[in-house]
């Protein structure tokens, strides 16, 4: 069995700019907290979805945890960080934002992420008209 080269480069390439920004004080504490939370939540979701059979990572990897290469969970963090950064750079402001309704929809989306294996899939009913 041939072991493929380590795919550590995405980790280094993703974390190095964050470290440089923090040292240079370009990144604010709140932004770093958002990024840190996404780096915890993303890798936590991935093993659950793999164990439920939603997808798999069959190739061998050096940095693999619970059947998931470490880079897999960080893809969620990268997407979330990009959205947060773009939101900030573009100066977007929500109009008629309803925090309670948004929190309920977000909770339902995350719950459906796990429960659609046993309950009816609620993705389409949760999409706004």
N, C-alpha and C. Protein backbone atom coordinates (compact mmCIF):
# COMPACT_ATOMS: atom_id res chain seq x y z
N UNK A 1 0.85 -1.17 0.00
CA UNK A 1 0.00 0.00 0.00
C UNK A 1 0.89 1.24 0.00
N UNK A 2 0.62 2.14 -0.89
CA UNK A 2 1.40 3.37 -1.00
C UNK A 2 0.69 4.48 -0.22
N UNK A 3 1.45 5.13 0.63
CA UNK A 3 0.90 6.25 1.39
C UNK A 3 1.17 7.52 0.60
N UNK A 4 0.13 8.27 0.37
CA UNK A 4 0.27 9.52 -0.38
C UNK A 4 0.96 10.57 0.49
N UNK A 5 1.54 11.57 -0.14
CA UNK A 5 2.22 12.61 0.63
C UNK A 5 1.25 13.32 1.58
N UNK A 6 1.80 13.80 2.65
CA UNK A 6 1.01 14.52 3.64
C UNK A 6 0.42 15.78 3.03
N UNK A 7 -0.84 16.02 3.34
CA UNK A 7 -1.50 17.22 2.82
C UNK A 7 -1.51 18.31 3.91
N UNK A 8 -0.36 18.55 4.49
CA UNK A 8 -0.25 19.52 5.57
C UNK A 8 -0.18 20.96 5.07
N UNK A 9 0.18 21.14 3.81
CA UNK A 9 0.37 22.49 3.27
C UNK A 9 -0.87 23.36 3.45
N UNK A 10 -2.10 22.86 3.21
CA UNK A 10 -3.26 23.73 3.42
C UNK A 10 -3.37 24.24 4.86
N UNK A 11 -2.95 23.42 5.82
CA UNK A 11 -3.01 23.85 7.22
C UNK A 11 -2.04 25.00 7.46
N UNK A 12 -0.82 24.80 6.99
CA UNK A 12 0.19 25.85 7.18
C UNK A 12 -0.19 27.11 6.41
N UNK A 13 -0.67 26.94 5.20
CA UNK A 13 -1.02 28.11 4.38
C UNK A 13 -2.23 28.84 4.95
N UNK A 14 -3.11 28.13 5.61
CA UNK A 14 -4.29 28.77 6.18
C UNK A 14 -4.03 29.43 7.52
N UNK A 15 -3.19 28.83 8.34
CA UNK A 15 -2.95 29.37 9.67
C UNK A 15 -1.87 30.44 9.70
N UNK A 16 -0.92 30.38 8.80
CA UNK A 16 0.18 31.35 8.81
C UNK A 16 -0.31 32.79 8.63
N UNK A 17 -1.19 33.08 7.65
CA UNK A 17 -1.66 34.47 7.53
C UNK A 17 -2.41 34.95 8.77
N UNK A 18 -3.16 34.05 9.40
CA UNK A 18 -3.88 34.42 10.61
C UNK A 18 -2.89 34.83 11.70
N UNK A 19 -1.83 34.04 11.85
CA UNK A 19 -0.81 34.38 12.84
C UNK A 19 -0.13 35.70 12.53
N UNK A 20 0.18 35.92 11.27
CA UNK A 20 0.83 37.19 10.89
C UNK A 20 -0.09 38.38 11.14
N UNK A 21 -1.37 38.23 10.83
CA UNK A 21 -2.30 39.34 11.06
C UNK A 21 -2.43 39.64 12.55
N UNK A 22 -2.46 38.58 13.35
CA UNK A 22 -2.60 38.79 14.79
C UNK A 22 -1.37 39.48 15.35
N UNK A 23 -0.20 39.03 14.93
CA UNK A 23 1.04 39.65 15.40
C UNK A 23 1.09 41.10 14.96
N UNK A 24 0.66 41.38 13.75
CA UNK A 24 0.67 42.75 13.24
C UNK A 24 -0.53 43.56 13.73
N UNK A 25 -1.40 42.95 14.52
CA UNK A 25 -2.59 43.60 15.10
C UNK A 25 -3.57 44.07 14.03
N UNK A 26 -3.58 43.41 12.87
CA UNK A 26 -4.56 43.74 11.84
C UNK A 26 -5.90 43.10 12.15
N UNK A 27 -5.86 41.94 12.76
CA UNK A 27 -7.10 41.22 13.04
C UNK A 27 -7.61 41.63 14.42
N UNK A 28 -8.88 41.93 14.49
CA UNK A 28 -9.47 42.29 15.78
C UNK A 28 -9.81 41.03 16.55
N UNK A 29 -9.91 41.18 17.84
CA UNK A 29 -10.19 40.03 18.71
C UNK A 29 -11.50 39.34 18.33
N UNK A 30 -12.54 40.09 18.04
CA UNK A 30 -13.84 39.49 17.69
C UNK A 30 -13.71 38.65 16.43
N UNK A 31 -12.97 39.13 15.44
CA UNK A 31 -12.77 38.36 14.21
C UNK A 31 -12.01 37.08 14.47
N UNK A 32 -11.02 37.14 15.35
CA UNK A 32 -10.27 35.93 15.68
C UNK A 32 -11.13 34.92 16.42
N UNK A 33 -12.04 35.41 17.25
CA UNK A 33 -12.95 34.50 17.96
C UNK A 33 -13.85 33.79 16.95
N UNK A 34 -14.39 34.52 15.97
CA UNK A 34 -15.24 33.91 14.94
C UNK A 34 -14.46 32.83 14.19
N UNK A 35 -13.24 33.14 13.79
CA UNK A 35 -12.43 32.17 13.06
C UNK A 35 -12.13 30.96 13.94
N UNK A 36 -11.79 31.19 15.21
CA UNK A 36 -11.47 30.08 16.11
C UNK A 36 -12.68 29.17 16.32
N UNK A 37 -13.86 29.77 16.49
CA UNK A 37 -15.07 28.96 16.68
C UNK A 37 -15.34 28.12 15.43
N UNK A 38 -15.17 28.70 14.26
CA UNK A 38 -15.39 27.95 13.02
C UNK A 38 -14.37 26.82 12.87
N UNK A 39 -13.16 27.01 13.37
CA UNK A 39 -12.16 25.96 13.29
C UNK A 39 -12.44 24.83 14.28
N UNK A 40 -13.29 25.06 15.25
CA UNK A 40 -13.70 24.00 16.17
C UNK A 40 -14.97 23.32 15.66
N UNK A 41 -15.95 24.11 15.23
CA UNK A 41 -17.24 23.57 14.79
C UNK A 41 -17.11 22.76 13.50
N UNK A 42 -16.37 23.26 12.54
CA UNK A 42 -16.21 22.55 11.26
C UNK A 42 -15.65 21.15 11.41
N UNK A 43 -14.49 21.00 12.07
CA UNK A 43 -13.96 19.65 12.25
C UNK A 43 -14.84 18.76 13.13
N UNK A 44 -15.69 19.35 13.96
CA UNK A 44 -16.61 18.53 14.77
C UNK A 44 -17.75 17.97 13.91
N UNK A 45 -18.21 18.72 12.91
CA UNK A 45 -19.27 18.24 12.03
C UNK A 45 -18.81 17.11 11.12
N UNK A 46 -17.62 17.21 10.62
CA UNK A 46 -17.14 16.27 9.60
C UNK A 46 -17.15 14.81 10.06
N UNK A 47 -16.63 14.46 11.25
CA UNK A 47 -16.68 13.04 11.66
C UNK A 47 -18.10 12.51 11.82
N UNK A 48 -19.02 13.38 12.23
CA UNK A 48 -20.41 12.95 12.37
C UNK A 48 -20.97 12.57 11.00
N UNK A 49 -20.76 13.42 10.00
CA UNK A 49 -21.29 13.14 8.67
C UNK A 49 -20.62 11.91 8.05
N UNK A 50 -19.34 11.71 8.31
CA UNK A 50 -18.65 10.52 7.80
C UNK A 50 -19.22 9.27 8.48
N UNK A 51 -19.42 9.33 9.80
CA UNK A 51 -19.94 8.15 10.51
C UNK A 51 -21.37 7.82 10.09
N UNK A 52 -22.14 8.82 9.66
CA UNK A 52 -23.51 8.58 9.20
C UNK A 52 -23.57 8.15 7.74
N UNK A 53 -22.43 8.16 7.05
CA UNK A 53 -22.38 7.69 5.67
C UNK A 53 -22.71 8.74 4.63
N UNK A 54 -22.74 10.01 5.01
CA UNK A 54 -23.03 11.06 4.03
C UNK A 54 -21.94 11.13 2.97
N UNK A 55 -20.71 10.94 3.38
CA UNK A 55 -19.57 10.90 2.47
C UNK A 55 -18.43 10.19 3.17
N UNK A 56 -17.36 9.95 2.45
CA UNK A 56 -16.21 9.25 3.05
C UNK A 56 -14.92 9.82 2.50
N UNK A 57 -13.86 9.54 3.21
CA UNK A 57 -12.51 9.92 2.81
C UNK A 57 -11.67 8.64 2.83
N UNK A 58 -11.76 7.81 1.77
CA UNK A 58 -11.12 6.49 1.81
C UNK A 58 -9.60 6.51 1.67
N UNK A 59 -9.03 7.56 1.11
CA UNK A 59 -7.59 7.56 0.87
C UNK A 59 -6.83 7.67 2.20
N UNK A 60 -5.63 7.09 2.24
CA UNK A 60 -4.83 7.20 3.47
C UNK A 60 -4.33 8.63 3.66
N UNK A 61 -4.20 9.03 4.90
CA UNK A 61 -3.70 10.37 5.21
C UNK A 61 -2.94 10.32 6.52
N UNK A 62 -1.94 11.13 6.64
CA UNK A 62 -1.16 11.18 7.87
C UNK A 62 -1.94 11.89 8.96
N UNK A 63 -2.57 12.99 8.62
CA UNK A 63 -3.35 13.76 9.59
C UNK A 63 -4.83 13.42 9.44
N UNK A 64 -5.21 12.27 9.99
CA UNK A 64 -6.59 11.79 9.87
C UNK A 64 -7.12 11.52 11.28
N UNK A 65 -8.34 11.99 11.56
CA UNK A 65 -8.96 11.80 12.86
C UNK A 65 -10.39 11.33 12.64
N UNK A 66 -10.75 10.18 13.21
CA UNK A 66 -12.10 9.62 13.08
C UNK A 66 -12.51 9.46 11.62
N UNK A 67 -11.56 9.05 10.77
CA UNK A 67 -11.85 8.82 9.37
C UNK A 67 -11.89 10.07 8.52
N UNK A 68 -11.49 11.20 9.09
CA UNK A 68 -11.56 12.48 8.38
C UNK A 68 -10.17 13.12 8.33
N UNK A 69 -9.70 13.45 7.13
CA UNK A 69 -8.45 14.21 7.05
C UNK A 69 -8.65 15.58 7.71
N UNK A 70 -7.64 16.05 8.38
CA UNK A 70 -7.77 17.29 9.13
C UNK A 70 -8.22 18.46 8.25
N UNK A 71 -7.79 18.46 6.99
CA UNK A 71 -8.17 19.58 6.12
C UNK A 71 -9.67 19.61 5.86
N UNK A 72 -10.36 18.47 5.97
CA UNK A 72 -11.79 18.41 5.67
C UNK A 72 -12.61 19.35 6.53
N UNK A 73 -12.38 19.33 7.82
CA UNK A 73 -13.13 20.22 8.70
C UNK A 73 -12.77 21.67 8.53
N UNK A 74 -11.53 21.93 8.16
CA UNK A 74 -11.11 23.32 8.00
C UNK A 74 -11.70 23.96 6.76
N UNK A 75 -12.25 23.16 5.85
CA UNK A 75 -12.91 23.75 4.69
C UNK A 75 -14.14 24.55 5.13
N UNK A 76 -14.85 24.05 6.14
CA UNK A 76 -15.98 24.81 6.69
C UNK A 76 -15.49 26.13 7.26
N UNK A 77 -14.39 26.07 7.99
CA UNK A 77 -13.84 27.28 8.60
C UNK A 77 -13.40 28.28 7.54
N UNK A 78 -12.80 27.78 6.47
CA UNK A 78 -12.34 28.67 5.41
C UNK A 78 -13.52 29.38 4.75
N UNK A 79 -14.58 28.64 4.47
CA UNK A 79 -15.75 29.26 3.84
C UNK A 79 -16.39 30.29 4.77
N UNK A 80 -16.53 29.93 6.03
CA UNK A 80 -17.12 30.86 7.00
C UNK A 80 -16.26 32.10 7.20
N UNK A 81 -14.95 31.91 7.27
CA UNK A 81 -14.04 33.05 7.43
C UNK A 81 -14.11 33.97 6.23
N UNK A 82 -14.21 33.38 5.05
CA UNK A 82 -14.31 34.19 3.83
C UNK A 82 -15.58 35.04 3.85
N UNK A 83 -16.69 34.44 4.22
CA UNK A 83 -17.96 35.17 4.25
C UNK A 83 -17.87 36.32 5.26
N UNK A 84 -17.31 36.04 6.44
CA UNK A 84 -17.19 37.09 7.46
C UNK A 84 -16.28 38.22 6.99
N UNK A 85 -15.17 37.87 6.37
CA UNK A 85 -14.22 38.88 5.89
C UNK A 85 -14.83 39.70 4.75
N UNK A 86 -15.49 39.04 3.82
CA UNK A 86 -16.13 39.76 2.71
C UNK A 86 -17.22 40.69 3.23
N UNK A 87 -17.98 40.22 4.21
CA UNK A 87 -19.03 41.03 4.82
C UNK A 87 -18.41 42.31 5.39
N UNK A 88 -17.29 42.17 6.09
CA UNK A 88 -16.63 43.32 6.70
C UNK A 88 -16.05 44.26 5.64
N UNK A 89 -15.36 43.70 4.67
CA UNK A 89 -14.71 44.54 3.65
C UNK A 89 -15.72 45.29 2.79
N UNK A 90 -16.85 44.67 2.51
CA UNK A 90 -17.87 45.31 1.68
C UNK A 90 -18.78 46.24 2.47
N UNK A 91 -18.63 46.24 3.79
CA UNK A 91 -19.44 47.13 4.62
C UNK A 91 -20.92 46.81 4.56
N UNK A 92 -21.27 45.55 4.51
CA UNK A 92 -22.68 45.16 4.41
C UNK A 92 -23.40 45.38 5.73
N UNK A 93 -24.62 45.83 5.65
CA UNK A 93 -25.46 46.02 6.82
C UNK A 93 -26.81 45.35 6.56
N UNK A 94 -27.28 44.51 7.49
CA UNK A 94 -28.58 43.87 7.28
C UNK A 94 -29.72 44.89 7.35
N UNK A 95 -30.73 44.66 6.53
CA UNK A 95 -31.91 45.51 6.52
C UNK A 95 -33.08 44.66 7.03
N UNK A 96 -33.86 45.20 7.93
CA UNK A 96 -34.99 44.47 8.54
C UNK A 96 -34.54 43.13 9.12
N UNK A 97 -33.40 43.13 9.76
CA UNK A 97 -32.84 41.91 10.36
C UNK A 97 -33.62 41.57 11.62
N UNK A 98 -34.07 40.34 11.72
CA UNK A 98 -34.81 39.88 12.89
C UNK A 98 -33.96 38.82 13.59
N UNK A 99 -33.22 39.20 14.63
CA UNK A 99 -32.27 38.27 15.25
C UNK A 99 -32.92 36.99 15.80
N UNK A 100 -34.08 37.10 16.39
CA UNK A 100 -34.71 35.91 16.96
C UNK A 100 -35.12 34.93 15.85
N UNK A 101 -35.74 35.45 14.79
CA UNK A 101 -36.14 34.60 13.67
C UNK A 101 -34.92 33.98 13.00
N UNK A 102 -33.87 34.77 12.83
CA UNK A 102 -32.65 34.25 12.20
C UNK A 102 -32.01 33.16 13.06
N UNK A 103 -32.02 33.35 14.37
CA UNK A 103 -31.46 32.34 15.27
C UNK A 103 -32.26 31.04 15.19
N UNK A 104 -33.58 31.15 15.10
CA UNK A 104 -34.41 29.95 14.99
C UNK A 104 -34.16 29.21 13.68
N UNK A 105 -34.06 29.95 12.58
CA UNK A 105 -33.80 29.32 11.28
C UNK A 105 -32.41 28.68 11.29
N UNK A 106 -31.41 29.37 11.83
CA UNK A 106 -30.06 28.82 11.89
C UNK A 106 -30.03 27.55 12.73
N UNK A 107 -30.71 27.55 13.86
CA UNK A 107 -30.77 26.35 14.70
C UNK A 107 -31.45 25.20 13.96
N UNK A 108 -32.52 25.51 13.23
CA UNK A 108 -33.21 24.47 12.46
C UNK A 108 -32.33 23.91 11.36
N UNK A 109 -31.55 24.77 10.70
CA UNK A 109 -30.66 24.30 9.63
C UNK A 109 -29.60 23.37 10.21
N UNK A 110 -28.99 23.77 11.32
CA UNK A 110 -27.97 22.92 11.93
C UNK A 110 -28.57 21.61 12.45
N UNK A 111 -29.77 21.68 13.01
CA UNK A 111 -30.43 20.45 13.47
C UNK A 111 -30.70 19.53 12.29
N UNK A 112 -31.17 20.08 11.18
CA UNK A 112 -31.45 19.27 9.99
C UNK A 112 -30.18 18.64 9.43
N UNK A 113 -29.06 19.31 9.63
CA UNK A 113 -27.77 18.78 9.17
C UNK A 113 -27.54 17.38 9.74
N UNK A 114 -28.01 17.15 10.97
CA UNK A 114 -27.86 15.85 11.61
C UNK A 114 -29.11 14.98 11.49
N UNK A 115 -30.28 15.57 11.68
CA UNK A 115 -31.50 14.76 11.81
C UNK A 115 -32.08 14.28 10.49
N UNK A 116 -31.63 14.80 9.34
CA UNK A 116 -32.24 14.35 8.08
C UNK A 116 -31.94 12.89 7.79
N UNK A 117 -31.09 12.26 8.58
CA UNK A 117 -30.83 10.83 8.41
C UNK A 117 -31.96 9.99 8.99
N UNK A 118 -32.69 10.55 9.95
CA UNK A 118 -33.75 9.79 10.61
C UNK A 118 -35.13 10.43 10.43
N UNK A 119 -35.17 11.73 10.22
CA UNK A 119 -36.43 12.46 10.06
C UNK A 119 -36.52 12.99 8.63
N UNK A 120 -37.69 13.48 8.21
CA UNK A 120 -37.77 14.06 6.87
C UNK A 120 -36.78 15.22 6.70
N UNK A 121 -36.25 15.33 5.51
CA UNK A 121 -35.29 16.38 5.19
C UNK A 121 -36.02 17.72 5.11
N UNK A 122 -35.56 18.70 5.88
CA UNK A 122 -36.25 19.99 5.96
C UNK A 122 -35.49 21.11 5.26
N UNK A 123 -34.54 20.77 4.39
CA UNK A 123 -33.76 21.84 3.73
C UNK A 123 -34.64 22.78 2.92
N UNK A 124 -35.48 22.25 2.07
CA UNK A 124 -36.27 23.12 1.19
C UNK A 124 -37.31 23.92 1.95
N UNK A 125 -38.01 23.37 2.93
CA UNK A 125 -38.94 24.22 3.70
C UNK A 125 -38.23 25.35 4.46
N UNK A 126 -36.95 25.17 4.77
CA UNK A 126 -36.21 26.20 5.50
C UNK A 126 -35.67 27.31 4.61
N UNK A 127 -35.71 27.11 3.29
CA UNK A 127 -35.22 28.14 2.37
C UNK A 127 -36.25 29.25 2.31
N UNK A 128 -35.81 30.51 2.50
CA UNK A 128 -36.80 31.60 2.44
C UNK A 128 -37.37 31.76 1.03
N UNK A 129 -38.61 32.25 0.95
CA UNK A 129 -39.26 32.40 -0.37
C UNK A 129 -38.61 33.47 -1.21
